[in-house]
Amino acid sequence: MGAYARRDYASAAEQLKIHVEQRRDDDAARLYLCCAYLSTGRPYDAELQLDFIEQADRPGFRDQVDWYNAMCLTCSGQYGRAVEQADKILAAKTHTYKVEAQRLKEALQAK
């Protein structure tokens, strides 16, 4: 986490990848790995980490998975799908990232 804290996302990704290979159930580390991948321009690798978290179906990171899926779609140029993901977040009764989803949707629709 030292590399991540220093914003050395490439090194953080390398170290976090090793960690999650050894501790496959560490969803928090996978989420950090997802963010490190996004920060280094690797949205497809980031999305793979979110898939692992979703498939495990453990509680705790649902809102983050929704939001970072929207980020992966945006970063990979899939703007229509990113708007759909933002709409999914906006349709939820409560969601941690509602404000961000609305901003994302507006920004993408302005393109």
Protein backbone atom coordinates (compact mmCIF):
# COMPACT_ATOMS: atom_id res chain seq x y z
CA MET A 1 0.00 0.00 0.00
CA GLY A 2 3.03 2.26 0.28
CA ALA A 3 3.33 2.55 -3.50
CA TYR A 4 -0.39 3.27 -3.77
CA ALA A 5 -0.15 5.98 -1.11
CA ARG A 6 2.75 7.55 -3.05
CA ARG A 7 0.57 7.41 -6.19
CA ASP A 8 3.02 5.04 -7.84
CA TYR A 9 0.14 3.10 -9.35
CA ALA A 10 2.24 0.95 -11.67
CA SER A 11 4.26 -0.42 -8.74
CA ALA A 12 1.15 -0.69 -6.62
CA ALA A 13 -0.55 -2.74 -9.32
CA GLU A 14 2.40 -5.15 -9.49
CA GLN A 15 2.45 -5.62 -5.73
CA LEU A 16 -1.33 -5.85 -5.35
CA LYS A 17 -1.52 -8.41 -8.16
CA ILE A 18 0.87 -10.67 -6.27
CA HIS A 19 -1.14 -10.15 -3.09
CA VAL A 20 -4.52 -11.06 -4.62
CA GLU A 21 -3.02 -14.11 -6.30
CA GLN A 22 -2.05 -15.31 -2.84
CA ARG A 23 -5.21 -14.10 -1.06
CA ARG A 24 -7.98 -14.49 -3.60
CA ASP A 25 -10.67 -13.48 -1.08
CA ASP A 26 -9.21 -10.03 -0.30
CA ASP A 27 -11.86 -7.90 -1.98
CA ALA A 28 -10.46 -4.65 -0.59
CA ALA A 29 -7.08 -5.36 -2.19
CA ARG A 30 -8.82 -6.23 -5.46
CA LEU A 31 -10.62 -2.91 -5.37
CA TYR A 32 -7.32 -1.07 -4.86
CA LEU A 33 -5.86 -3.11 -7.71
CA CYS A 34 -8.79 -2.08 -9.87
CA CYS A 35 -8.10 1.58 -9.09
CA ALA A 36 -4.38 1.15 -9.77
CA TYR A 37 -5.16 -0.41 -13.13
CA LEU A 38 -7.54 2.42 -13.99
CA SER A 39 -4.87 4.94 -13.02
CA THR A 40 -2.39 3.29 -15.39
CA GLY A 41 -4.77 3.07 -18.35
CA ARG A 42 -5.72 -0.59 -17.99
CA PRO A 43 -9.54 -0.56 -17.77
CA TYR A 44 -9.98 -4.15 -18.94
CA ASP A 45 -7.67 -5.46 -16.23
CA ALA A 46 -9.52 -3.27 -13.73
CA GLU A 47 -12.85 -4.70 -14.84
CA LEU A 48 -11.54 -8.23 -14.34
CA GLN A 49 -10.87 -7.45 -10.67
CA LEU A 50 -14.43 -6.17 -10.30
CA ASP A 51 -15.69 -9.40 -11.85
CA PHE A 52 -13.86 -11.38 -9.17
CA ILE A 53 -15.50 -9.30 -6.44
CA GLU A 54 -18.96 -9.65 -8.01
CA GLN A 55 -18.64 -13.40 -8.47
CA ALA A 56 -17.61 -13.88 -4.85
CA ASP A 57 -20.93 -12.26 -3.88
CA ARG A 58 -19.67 -11.16 -0.49
CA PRO A 59 -21.33 -8.11 1.01
CA GLY A 60 -19.56 -4.83 1.40
CA PHE A 61 -18.42 -3.57 -2.00
CA ARG A 62 -21.55 -3.52 -4.16
CA ASP A 63 -21.67 0.27 -4.55
CA GLN A 64 -17.96 0.46 -5.32
CA VAL A 65 -18.24 -2.30 -7.93
CA ASP A 66 -21.12 -0.46 -9.61
CA TRP A 67 -19.21 2.81 -9.71
CA TYR A 68 -15.88 1.42 -10.84
CA ASN A 69 -17.65 -0.59 -13.54
CA ALA A 70 -18.88 2.78 -14.84
CA MET A 71 -15.31 4.06 -14.70
CA CYS A 72 -13.99 1.02 -16.58
CA LEU A 73 -16.58 1.50 -19.29
CA THR A 74 -15.79 5.19 -19.57
CA CYS A 75 -12.04 4.64 -19.68
CA SER A 76 -12.42 2.02 -22.41
CA GLY A 77 -14.54 4.36 -24.54
CA GLN A 78 -17.81 2.49 -24.04
CA TYR A 79 -19.76 5.65 -23.33
CA GLY A 80 -23.24 4.28 -24.04
CA ARG A 81 -22.70 1.41 -21.64
CA ALA A 82 -21.21 3.81 -19.08
CA VAL A 83 -24.41 5.91 -19.24
CA GLU A 84 -26.45 2.72 -18.74
CA GLN A 85 -24.31 1.89 -15.69
CA ALA A 86 -24.83 5.42 -14.36
CA ASP A 87 -28.58 4.97 -14.86
CA LYS A 88 -28.43 1.73 -12.88
CA ILE A 89 -26.79 3.60 -10.01
CA LEU A 90 -29.29 6.45 -10.26
CA ALA A 91 -32.20 3.98 -10.19
CA ALA A 92 -31.07 2.48 -6.89
CA LYS A 93 -33.01 3.58 -3.85
CA THR A 94 -29.78 4.45 -2.11
CA HIS A 95 -26.28 4.38 -3.53
CA THR A 96 -22.98 5.82 -2.36
CA TYR A 97 -22.17 7.16 -5.84
CA LYS A 98 -25.47 8.74 -6.94
CA VAL A 99 -24.07 12.26 -7.21
CA GLU A 100 -21.03 11.03 -9.13
CA ALA A 101 -23.22 8.93 -11.43
CA GLN A 102 -25.36 11.95 -12.27
CA ARG A 103 -22.25 14.01 -13.07
CA LEU A 104 -20.83 11.21 -15.20
CA LYS A 105 -24.07 10.83 -17.12
CA GLU A 106 -24.28 14.56 -17.80
CA ALA A 107 -20.66 14.70 -18.92
CA LEU A 108 -21.03 11.74 -21.25
CA GLN A 109 -24.28 13.00 -22.74
CA ALA A 110 -22.61 16.35 -23.47
CA LYS A 111 -20.08 14.60 -25.76
